[in-house]
Amino acid sequence: MADNTAPFFGPETSPAMMQQMSTVLMQCSVPVAIASNEAETTTDFRAKLTKISTPTLVIHGDRDVSMPLVLTGKPTAELIPGCQLKVYHEAPHGLIYTHMDLLHTDLLQFIRT
């Protein structure tokens, strides 16, 4: 977990924020974390994505090192009919913390439309 903290947040995130969020993330039990990771990395959802018929928004950071945009966010958005893809400039995987205000704005705008 410690090795992945800096890439998850990015260098502009304060050490205090990284420590606080790492503490929260570490509250997940190890067996649950392992099972979740295994399900996320071994399940192929591509066929199901093409059947989504509700408005969909995919938000992804262009500095996500654990799940690069070109390998995950972009192909996912392309498979969902009518999907809107928003790419956050210089956003890491932990953009829910580092780009919180922009994320909230975009989510509210998407919900209202």
N, C-alpha and C. Protein backbone atom coordinates (compact mmCIF):
# COMPACT_ATOMS: atom_id res chain seq x y z
N MET A 1 0.83 -1.19 0.00
CA MET A 1 0.00 0.00 0.00
C MET A 1 0.87 1.25 0.00
N ALA A 2 1.90 1.24 0.82
CA ALA A 2 2.78 2.41 0.92
C ALA A 2 3.44 2.72 -0.42
N ASP A 3 3.83 1.68 -1.16
CA ASP A 3 4.48 1.89 -2.46
C ASP A 3 3.55 2.52 -3.49
N ASN A 4 2.26 2.34 -3.32
CA ASN A 4 1.30 2.84 -4.29
C ASN A 4 0.66 4.17 -3.90
N THR A 5 0.97 4.67 -2.73
CA THR A 5 0.33 5.90 -2.25
C THR A 5 0.68 7.09 -3.14
N ALA A 6 1.94 7.34 -3.38
CA ALA A 6 2.34 8.51 -4.18
C ALA A 6 1.78 8.46 -5.60
N PRO A 7 1.87 7.32 -6.33
CA PRO A 7 1.28 7.29 -7.67
C PRO A 7 -0.24 7.43 -7.66
N PHE A 8 -0.90 6.95 -6.62
CA PHE A 8 -2.36 7.04 -6.53
C PHE A 8 -2.80 8.50 -6.48
N PHE A 9 -2.06 9.33 -5.74
CA PHE A 9 -2.43 10.72 -5.55
C PHE A 9 -1.70 11.69 -6.47
N GLY A 10 -0.45 11.45 -6.77
CA GLY A 10 0.35 12.37 -7.57
C GLY A 10 1.19 13.28 -6.68
N PRO A 11 2.24 13.85 -7.24
CA PRO A 11 3.21 14.61 -6.44
C PRO A 11 2.68 15.92 -5.85
N GLU A 12 1.62 16.49 -6.43
CA GLU A 12 1.12 17.77 -5.92
C GLU A 12 0.25 17.61 -4.68
N THR A 13 -0.08 16.38 -4.30
CA THR A 13 -0.92 16.14 -3.13
C THR A 13 -0.09 16.24 -1.86
N SER A 14 -0.63 16.91 -0.88
CA SER A 14 0.12 17.10 0.37
C SER A 14 0.33 15.77 1.08
N PRO A 15 1.46 15.64 1.78
CA PRO A 15 1.72 14.42 2.56
C PRO A 15 0.61 14.14 3.57
N ALA A 16 0.04 15.19 4.15
CA ALA A 16 -1.03 15.00 5.14
C ALA A 16 -2.26 14.36 4.49
N MET A 17 -2.63 14.83 3.30
CA MET A 17 -3.77 14.26 2.58
C MET A 17 -3.49 12.80 2.22
N MET A 18 -2.30 12.52 1.73
CA MET A 18 -1.95 11.15 1.37
C MET A 18 -2.02 10.24 2.58
N GLN A 19 -1.52 10.70 3.71
CA GLN A 19 -1.54 9.89 4.94
C GLN A 19 -2.97 9.64 5.40
N GLN A 20 -3.79 10.68 5.39
CA GLN A 20 -5.18 10.54 5.84
C GLN A 20 -5.95 9.56 4.97
N MET A 21 -5.84 9.71 3.67
CA MET A 21 -6.59 8.84 2.76
C MET A 21 -6.03 7.42 2.77
N SER A 22 -4.74 7.26 2.92
CA SER A 22 -4.15 5.92 3.01
C SER A 22 -4.67 5.20 4.24
N THR A 23 -4.82 5.93 5.33
CA THR A 23 -5.35 5.34 6.56
C THR A 23 -6.78 4.84 6.33
N VAL A 24 -7.58 5.63 5.65
CA VAL A 24 -8.96 5.23 5.34
C VAL A 24 -8.96 4.00 4.44
N LEU A 25 -8.14 4.01 3.39
CA LEU A 25 -8.09 2.89 2.46
C LEU A 25 -7.60 1.61 3.12
N MET A 26 -6.74 1.73 4.11
CA MET A 26 -6.18 0.56 4.78
C MET A 26 -7.17 -0.08 5.75
N GLN A 27 -8.32 0.52 5.96
CA GLN A 27 -9.31 -0.05 6.85
C GLN A 27 -10.05 -1.24 6.22
N CYS A 28 -9.86 -1.41 4.94
CA CYS A 28 -10.44 -2.56 4.24
C CYS A 28 -9.65 -3.81 4.64
N SER A 29 -10.37 -4.91 4.91
CA SER A 29 -9.66 -6.14 5.29
C SER A 29 -8.86 -6.67 4.10
N VAL A 30 -7.76 -7.33 4.39
CA VAL A 30 -6.89 -7.85 3.33
C VAL A 30 -7.61 -8.86 2.44
N PRO A 31 -8.36 -9.81 2.98
CA PRO A 31 -9.07 -10.75 2.09
C PRO A 31 -10.06 -10.05 1.16
N VAL A 32 -10.75 -9.03 1.65
CA VAL A 32 -11.70 -8.30 0.81
C VAL A 32 -10.96 -7.52 -0.27
N ALA A 33 -9.86 -6.88 0.09
CA ALA A 33 -9.06 -6.13 -0.88
C ALA A 33 -8.53 -7.05 -1.98
N ILE A 34 -8.06 -8.23 -1.60
CA ILE A 34 -7.54 -9.19 -2.57
C ILE A 34 -8.66 -9.69 -3.49
N ALA A 35 -9.81 -10.04 -2.91
CA ALA A 35 -10.93 -10.53 -3.71
C ALA A 35 -11.44 -9.46 -4.66
N SER A 36 -11.50 -8.23 -4.20
CA SER A 36 -11.94 -7.12 -5.04
C SER A 36 -10.98 -6.92 -6.20
N ASN A 37 -9.69 -6.89 -5.90
CA ASN A 37 -8.69 -6.72 -6.95
C ASN A 37 -8.74 -7.85 -7.96
N GLU A 38 -8.91 -9.06 -7.49
CA GLU A 38 -8.97 -10.21 -8.39
C GLU A 38 -10.19 -10.09 -9.32
N ALA A 39 -11.34 -9.73 -8.75
CA ALA A 39 -12.55 -9.59 -9.57
C ALA A 39 -12.38 -8.48 -10.61
N GLU A 40 -11.78 -7.37 -10.21
CA GLU A 40 -11.60 -6.23 -11.11
C GLU A 40 -10.63 -6.54 -12.24
N THR A 41 -9.63 -7.35 -11.97
CA THR A 41 -8.58 -7.57 -12.97
C THR A 41 -8.79 -8.83 -13.82
N THR A 42 -9.76 -9.67 -13.46
CA THR A 42 -9.95 -10.90 -14.23
C THR A 42 -11.30 -10.99 -14.92
N THR A 43 -12.21 -10.08 -14.63
CA THR A 43 -13.54 -10.13 -15.23
C THR A 43 -13.57 -9.27 -16.50
N ASP A 44 -14.07 -9.84 -17.56
CA ASP A 44 -14.17 -9.13 -18.84
C ASP A 44 -15.60 -8.59 -18.99
N PHE A 45 -15.74 -7.28 -18.87
CA PHE A 45 -17.04 -6.64 -18.93
C PHE A 45 -17.37 -6.07 -20.31
N ARG A 46 -16.50 -6.27 -21.29
CA ARG A 46 -16.68 -5.60 -22.59
C ARG A 46 -18.03 -5.88 -23.24
N ALA A 47 -18.48 -7.11 -23.25
CA ALA A 47 -19.76 -7.43 -23.89
C ALA A 47 -20.92 -6.75 -23.17
N LYS A 48 -20.83 -6.64 -21.87
CA LYS A 48 -21.90 -6.01 -21.09
C LYS A 48 -21.92 -4.49 -21.29
N LEU A 49 -20.76 -3.89 -21.50
CA LEU A 49 -20.70 -2.44 -21.69
C LEU A 49 -21.48 -2.01 -22.92
N THR A 50 -21.47 -2.81 -23.96
CA THR A 50 -22.17 -2.44 -25.21
C THR A 50 -23.69 -2.46 -25.05
N LYS A 51 -24.17 -3.05 -23.98
CA LYS A 51 -25.61 -3.16 -23.75
C LYS A 51 -26.15 -2.08 -22.82
N ILE A 52 -25.29 -1.22 -22.30
CA ILE A 52 -25.74 -0.15 -21.40
C ILE A 52 -26.56 0.85 -22.21
N SER A 53 -27.76 1.16 -21.71
CA SER A 53 -28.63 2.06 -22.46
C SER A 53 -28.99 3.33 -21.67
N THR A 54 -28.41 3.52 -20.52
CA THR A 54 -28.66 4.72 -19.73
C THR A 54 -27.52 5.72 -19.96
N PRO A 55 -27.79 7.00 -19.79
CA PRO A 55 -26.73 7.99 -19.94
C PRO A 55 -25.54 7.65 -19.01
N THR A 56 -24.36 7.71 -19.57
CA THR A 56 -23.18 7.29 -18.83
C THR A 56 -22.06 8.32 -18.98
N LEU A 57 -21.39 8.56 -17.86
CA LEU A 57 -20.25 9.46 -17.82
C LEU A 57 -19.05 8.69 -17.28
N VAL A 58 -17.96 8.70 -18.01
CA VAL A 58 -16.71 8.12 -17.55
C VAL A 58 -15.75 9.28 -17.32
N ILE A 59 -15.19 9.33 -16.12
CA ILE A 59 -14.22 10.37 -15.78
C ILE A 59 -12.90 9.68 -15.47
N HIS A 60 -11.84 10.18 -16.09
CA HIS A 60 -10.54 9.52 -15.95
C HIS A 60 -9.43 10.57 -15.96
N GLY A 61 -8.39 10.32 -15.19
CA GLY A 61 -7.24 11.20 -15.17
C GLY A 61 -6.20 10.78 -16.20
N ASP A 62 -5.57 11.76 -16.82
CA ASP A 62 -4.55 11.42 -17.83
C ASP A 62 -3.20 11.07 -17.21
N ARG A 63 -3.10 11.14 -15.86
CA ARG A 63 -1.87 10.72 -15.18
C ARG A 63 -2.12 9.52 -14.27
N ASP A 64 -3.13 8.73 -14.59
CA ASP A 64 -3.43 7.53 -13.82
C ASP A 64 -2.43 6.44 -14.21
N VAL A 65 -1.50 6.15 -13.32
CA VAL A 65 -0.47 5.16 -13.64
C VAL A 65 -0.91 3.74 -13.35
N SER A 66 -1.89 3.55 -12.46
CA SER A 66 -2.31 2.20 -12.14
C SER A 66 -3.33 1.67 -13.15
N MET A 67 -4.09 2.57 -13.76
CA MET A 67 -5.06 2.18 -14.78
C MET A 67 -5.01 3.24 -15.90
N PRO A 68 -4.01 3.14 -16.76
CA PRO A 68 -3.82 4.17 -17.79
C PRO A 68 -5.07 4.40 -18.66
N LEU A 69 -5.29 5.66 -18.96
CA LEU A 69 -6.44 6.10 -19.75
C LEU A 69 -6.58 5.31 -21.05
N VAL A 70 -5.51 5.12 -21.78
CA VAL A 70 -5.58 4.45 -23.08
C VAL A 70 -5.94 2.97 -22.96
N LEU A 71 -5.69 2.38 -21.79
CA LEU A 71 -5.99 0.96 -21.60
C LEU A 71 -7.33 0.71 -20.91
N THR A 72 -7.86 1.72 -20.21
CA THR A 72 -9.07 1.48 -19.42
C THR A 72 -10.19 2.49 -19.72
N GLY A 73 -10.01 3.73 -19.36
CA GLY A 73 -11.07 4.73 -19.50
C GLY A 73 -11.54 4.94 -20.92
N LYS A 74 -10.59 5.11 -21.83
CA LYS A 74 -10.96 5.38 -23.23
C LYS A 74 -11.67 4.19 -23.87
N PRO A 75 -11.13 2.97 -23.78
CA PRO A 75 -11.85 1.83 -24.37
C PRO A 75 -13.21 1.59 -23.72
N THR A 76 -13.31 1.82 -22.41
CA THR A 76 -14.59 1.65 -21.74
C THR A 76 -15.62 2.62 -22.30
N ALA A 77 -15.25 3.88 -22.39
CA ALA A 77 -16.17 4.90 -22.92
C ALA A 77 -16.57 4.60 -24.36
N GLU A 78 -15.65 4.08 -25.15
CA GLU A 78 -15.93 3.78 -26.55
C GLU A 78 -16.93 2.63 -26.70
N LEU A 79 -16.97 1.72 -25.74
CA LEU A 79 -17.87 0.58 -25.81
C LEU A 79 -19.30 0.90 -25.36
N ILE A 80 -19.48 1.94 -24.57
CA ILE A 80 -20.80 2.30 -24.06
C ILE A 80 -21.47 3.27 -25.03
N PRO A 81 -22.59 2.87 -25.60
CA PRO A 81 -23.27 3.75 -26.57
C PRO A 81 -23.59 5.12 -25.96
N GLY A 82 -23.20 6.18 -26.66
CA GLY A 82 -23.50 7.54 -26.24
C GLY A 82 -22.77 8.00 -24.98
N CYS A 83 -21.78 7.28 -24.56
CA CYS A 83 -21.04 7.62 -23.34
C CYS A 83 -20.30 8.95 -23.50
N GLN A 84 -20.27 9.71 -22.42
CA GLN A 84 -19.50 10.94 -22.38
C GLN A 84 -18.21 10.66 -21.59
N LEU A 85 -17.06 10.94 -22.18
CA LEU A 85 -15.77 10.76 -21.52
C LEU A 85 -15.20 12.12 -21.16
N LYS A 86 -14.86 12.29 -19.90
CA LYS A 86 -14.18 13.51 -19.44
C LYS A 86 -12.81 13.09 -18.95
N VAL A 87 -11.79 13.72 -19.50
CA VAL A 87 -10.42 13.44 -19.09
C VAL A 87 -9.89 14.63 -18.32
N TYR A 88 -9.45 14.38 -17.11
CA TYR A 88 -8.92 15.44 -16.26
C TYR A 88 -7.42 15.55 -16.47
N HIS A 89 -6.99 16.74 -16.87
CA HIS A 89 -5.59 17.03 -17.12
C HIS A 89 -4.78 16.88 -15.83
N GLU A 90 -3.72 16.12 -15.90
CA GLU A 90 -2.79 15.88 -14.79
C GLU A 90 -3.45 15.26 -13.56
N ALA A 91 -4.53 14.52 -13.76
CA ALA A 91 -5.21 13.86 -12.64
C ALA A 91 -4.73 12.42 -12.49
N PRO A 92 -4.43 12.02 -11.26
CA PRO A 92 -4.01 10.65 -10.98
C PRO A 92 -5.22 9.74 -10.74
N HIS A 93 -4.97 8.51 -10.36
CA HIS A 93 -6.03 7.57 -10.06
C HIS A 93 -6.91 8.08 -8.92
N GLY A 94 -6.31 8.74 -7.96
CA GLY A 94 -7.04 9.27 -6.82
C GLY A 94 -7.68 10.62 -7.06
N LEU A 95 -8.16 10.85 -8.26
CA LEU A 95 -8.73 12.16 -8.60
C LEU A 95 -9.95 12.51 -7.75
N ILE A 96 -10.57 11.54 -7.12
CA ILE A 96 -11.69 11.86 -6.23
C ILE A 96 -11.24 12.71 -5.05
N TYR A 97 -9.95 12.67 -4.77
CA TYR A 97 -9.37 13.50 -3.70
C TYR A 97 -8.65 14.72 -4.26
N THR A 98 -7.89 14.51 -5.35
CA THR A 98 -7.06 15.60 -5.87
C THR A 98 -7.82 16.59 -6.74
N HIS A 99 -8.92 16.18 -7.33
CA HIS A 99 -9.72 17.03 -8.21
C HIS A 99 -11.18 17.04 -7.75
N MET A 100 -11.38 17.04 -6.47
CA MET A 100 -12.69 16.91 -5.85
C MET A 100 -13.70 17.95 -6.34
N ASP A 101 -13.30 19.21 -6.37
CA ASP A 101 -14.23 20.27 -6.77
C ASP A 101 -14.68 20.11 -8.23
N LEU A 102 -13.73 19.84 -9.11
CA LEU A 102 -14.07 19.64 -10.52
C LEU A 102 -14.96 18.41 -10.70
N LEU A 103 -14.64 17.36 -9.99
CA LEU A 103 -15.44 16.13 -10.06
C LEU A 103 -16.87 16.40 -9.61
N HIS A 104 -17.03 17.08 -8.49
CA HIS A 104 -18.38 17.38 -8.01
C HIS A 104 -19.15 18.24 -9.01
N THR A 105 -18.49 19.22 -9.58
CA THR A 105 -19.13 20.08 -10.58
C THR A 105 -19.58 19.27 -11.79
N ASP A 106 -18.71 18.42 -12.29
CA ASP A 106 -19.04 17.62 -13.46
C ASP A 106 -20.14 16.61 -13.17
N LEU A 107 -20.11 16.00 -12.01
CA LEU A 107 -21.15 15.03 -11.65
C LEU A 107 -22.52 15.71 -11.54
N LEU A 108 -22.54 16.86 -10.89
CA LEU A 108 -23.81 17.59 -10.77
C LEU A 108 -24.33 18.01 -12.13
N GLN A 109 -23.45 18.50 -12.99
CA GLN A 109 -23.86 18.92 -14.34
C GLN A 109 -24.41 17.72 -15.11
N PHE A 110 -23.75 16.59 -15.01
CA PHE A 110 -24.20 15.39 -15.73
C PHE A 110 -25.57 14.93 -15.22
N ILE A 111 -25.76 14.96 -13.91
CA ILE A 111 -27.04 14.54 -13.32
C ILE A 111 -28.17 15.45 -13.74
N ARG A 112 -27.87 16.74 -13.84
CA ARG A 112 -28.91 17.72 -14.18
C ARG A 112 -29.30 17.72 -15.64
N THR A 113 -28.49 17.13 -16.52
CA THR A 113 -28.79 17.14 -17.96
C THR A 113 -29.53 15.89 -18.40
